[in-house]
Structure formats: structure tokens, C-alpha cells
């Protein structure tokens, strides 16, 4: 029987929670990958996927809080979560430095997510054996 080759993945999520299944499917994949012994180099949020990094999400109590689920998973597994800066700013997801830079009334980036440029995506593609995209359906 051939041995399973372990992979190092970068996940890219472009679908928003509550309007697509992308974040939910990505989290199921991520949990299964970690359980199987694979590693995740990083999770990169792009486009509407940056809504996962908002600390202001408040779903009804009988629904899963996907941003909190992702934040907990990333913290528990020491995996970097990166929101694309251009996508985040367009959608009102900002950290404290960007809040000050643009003189906005508040910041709302959910820890442990960070805001960074597409260079983080490029680094992830170079460091990983596989890059998997989770898009919104359409």
C-alpha cells in the first residue's frame, strides 16, 4: 500500500459567509486536512471573502457564527488568516492602522486575521504544494 503524501495547502476564500457556502466548505476542508496530518500555510480572504474577518458580524443565535468559527480554528491551529487589503477596504473591514490612515470612526478586524496585500497570496502559492480556491456559487 502506498503511503499518503502529506500536503501543505494555502486556501483562498472569495465567497462571503451567509451569502455563499464557500467559507463553510473551506472550513470543513481545513478541519479534515489538519485531522489527516496535512498543514495549512495560510488562509487568504479575497473579494467578498473578507467579510469573514469582520468583528461586527452578528448572526441570529440559532445560526453558526462563521467569522468566530474561522477565528477559533486559525488560533487553535496557529494558521495565519490574511484579508486582502484592497478587498477589505472596499468592504469596510479595517484594522487600526487603516482606520487612522483614512480617519475612519472605528476598526473592525477580527483577530487573528491581519490585513495585507496580494504579496501574501503570492507567498502562499510559492510555499504551498497546493492552492485551493473556495468561490461563491453563481
Protein backbone atom coordinates (compact mmCIF):
# COMPACT_ATOMS: atom_id res chain seq x y z
CA UNK A 1 0.00 0.00 0.00
CA UNK A 2 1.40 3.40 -1.00
CA UNK A 3 1.95 5.98 1.72
CA UNK A 4 -0.16 9.11 1.62
CA UNK A 5 1.92 12.15 0.74
CA UNK A 6 1.18 14.99 3.12
CA UNK A 7 0.44 18.35 1.53
CA UNK A 8 0.87 21.97 2.58
CA UNK A 9 -2.15 23.98 1.45
CA UNK A 10 -2.99 27.63 1.00
CA UNK A 11 -6.73 28.25 0.98
CA UNK A 12 -8.27 31.22 -0.84
CA UNK A 13 -11.83 32.13 0.10
CA UNK A 14 -13.72 34.56 -2.14
CA UNK A 15 -17.31 33.93 -1.01
CA UNK A 16 -18.95 35.77 1.87
CA UNK A 17 -20.43 33.99 4.86
CA UNK A 18 -24.24 33.87 4.85
CA UNK A 19 -24.48 34.50 1.09
CA UNK A 20 -22.37 31.56 -0.11
CA UNK A 21 -21.19 28.17 1.06
CA UNK A 22 -17.54 28.98 0.36
CA UNK A 23 -16.45 29.73 3.96
CA UNK A 24 -18.33 26.72 5.34
CA UNK A 25 -16.94 24.32 2.73
CA UNK A 26 -13.44 25.73 3.20
CA UNK A 27 -13.63 25.24 6.97
CA UNK A 28 -14.80 21.64 6.56
CA UNK A 29 -11.91 21.02 4.17
CA UNK A 30 -9.42 22.74 6.51
CA UNK A 31 -10.50 20.70 9.53
CA UNK A 32 -10.31 17.44 7.54
CA UNK A 33 -6.88 18.36 6.16
CA UNK A 34 -5.47 19.08 9.63
CA UNK A 35 -7.00 15.88 11.01
CA UNK A 36 -5.35 13.91 8.19
CA UNK A 37 -1.93 15.39 9.06
CA UNK A 38 -1.70 17.97 6.29
CA UNK A 39 -0.69 21.56 7.01
CA UNK A 40 -2.17 24.90 6.05
CA UNK A 41 0.34 27.61 5.20
CA UNK A 42 -2.30 30.33 5.36
CA UNK A 43 -5.90 31.23 4.59
CA UNK A 44 -6.24 34.18 2.24
CA UNK A 45 -9.51 36.11 2.04
CA UNK A 46 -10.22 37.92 -1.20
CA UNK A 47 -13.24 39.75 -2.59
CA UNK A 48 -16.36 39.13 -0.51
CA UNK A 49 -14.45 36.53 1.48
CA UNK A 50 -13.02 39.36 3.61
CA UNK A 51 -16.37 39.55 5.42
CA UNK A 52 -15.11 36.53 7.40
CA UNK A 53 -12.63 38.89 9.05
CA UNK A 54 -15.23 41.37 10.33
CA UNK A 55 -15.66 41.58 14.10
CA UNK A 56 -19.08 43.21 13.53
CA UNK A 57 -20.89 40.14 12.23
CA UNK A 58 -23.85 39.26 14.48
CA UNK A 59 -25.88 36.35 13.10
CA UNK A 60 -29.03 35.14 14.91
CA UNK A 61 -28.27 32.92 17.92
CA UNK A 62 -29.55 29.80 16.15
CA UNK A 63 -27.09 30.20 13.24
CA UNK A 64 -23.40 29.39 13.11
CA UNK A 65 -21.16 32.42 13.58
CA UNK A 66 -18.76 31.71 10.71
CA UNK A 67 -16.26 34.51 11.46
CA UNK A 68 -15.91 33.24 15.04
CA UNK A 69 -15.64 29.63 13.84
CA UNK A 70 -12.83 30.60 11.48
CA UNK A 71 -11.08 32.76 14.06
CA UNK A 72 -11.12 29.92 16.59
CA UNK A 73 -9.85 27.39 14.07
CA UNK A 74 -7.00 29.66 12.99
CA UNK A 75 -5.99 30.42 16.59
CA UNK A 76 -6.21 26.77 17.69
CA UNK A 77 -4.01 25.64 14.80
CA UNK A 78 -1.64 28.66 14.60
CA UNK A 79 -2.56 29.29 10.97
CA UNK A 80 -2.28 32.83 9.54
CA UNK A 81 -5.52 34.35 8.28
CA UNK A 82 -4.96 37.18 5.79
CA UNK A 83 -7.55 39.57 4.36
CA UNK A 84 -6.61 41.31 1.11
CA UNK A 85 -6.21 44.99 1.90
CA UNK A 86 -7.89 46.26 -1.28
CA UNK A 87 -10.87 43.94 -0.87
CA UNK A 88 -11.15 44.69 2.84
CA UNK A 89 -11.08 48.48 2.49
CA UNK A 90 -13.73 48.39 -0.26
CA UNK A 91 -16.00 46.36 2.02
CA UNK A 92 -15.47 48.28 5.25
CA UNK A 93 -13.18 45.82 7.00
CA UNK A 94 -10.32 47.81 8.53
CA UNK A 95 -7.61 47.39 11.14
CA UNK A 96 -6.41 50.17 13.44
CA UNK A 97 -3.62 51.48 11.16
CA UNK A 98 -6.04 51.79 8.22
CA UNK A 99 -8.66 53.35 10.48
CA UNK A 100 -6.18 56.06 11.43
CA UNK A 101 -4.84 56.44 7.89
CA UNK A 102 -8.31 57.05 6.45
CA UNK A 103 -9.63 58.85 9.55
CA UNK A 104 -12.45 56.33 10.00
CA UNK A 105 -14.53 56.24 13.19
CA UNK A 106 -13.64 52.63 14.12
CA UNK A 107 -11.76 49.48 13.21
CA UNK A 108 -13.41 46.08 12.98
CA UNK A 109 -10.82 43.48 12.05
CA UNK A 110 -11.42 40.21 13.90
CA UNK A 111 -8.34 38.64 15.49
CA UNK A 112 -6.34 36.66 14.48
CA UNK A 113 -6.90 37.96 10.94
CA UNK A 114 -4.46 40.51 9.53
CA UNK A 115 -4.76 42.81 6.54
CA UNK A 116 -2.07 42.55 3.88
CA UNK A 117 -1.51 42.83 0.16
CA UNK A 118 -1.55 40.29 -2.64
CA UNK A 119 2.08 39.53 -1.85
CA UNK A 120 0.75 37.28 0.92
CA UNK A 121 -1.21 35.32 -1.69
CA UNK A 122 1.90 35.05 -3.86
CA UNK A 123 3.96 33.83 -0.89
CA UNK A 124 1.29 31.26 -0.10
CA UNK A 125 1.29 29.94 -3.65
CA UNK A 126 5.08 29.59 -3.54
CA UNK A 127 5.21 27.98 -0.08
CA UNK A 128 2.37 25.51 -0.62
CA UNK A 129 2.18 22.28 -2.54
CA UNK A 130 -1.47 23.11 -3.40
CA UNK A 131 -3.63 26.24 -3.51
CA UNK A 132 -7.35 25.61 -3.24
CA UNK A 133 -9.97 28.23 -4.05
CA UNK A 134 -13.41 28.38 -2.46
CA UNK A 135 -15.59 30.67 -4.58
CA UNK A 136 -19.17 31.83 -4.21
CA UNK A 137 -21.54 29.93 -6.45
CA UNK A 138 -23.10 31.76 -9.30
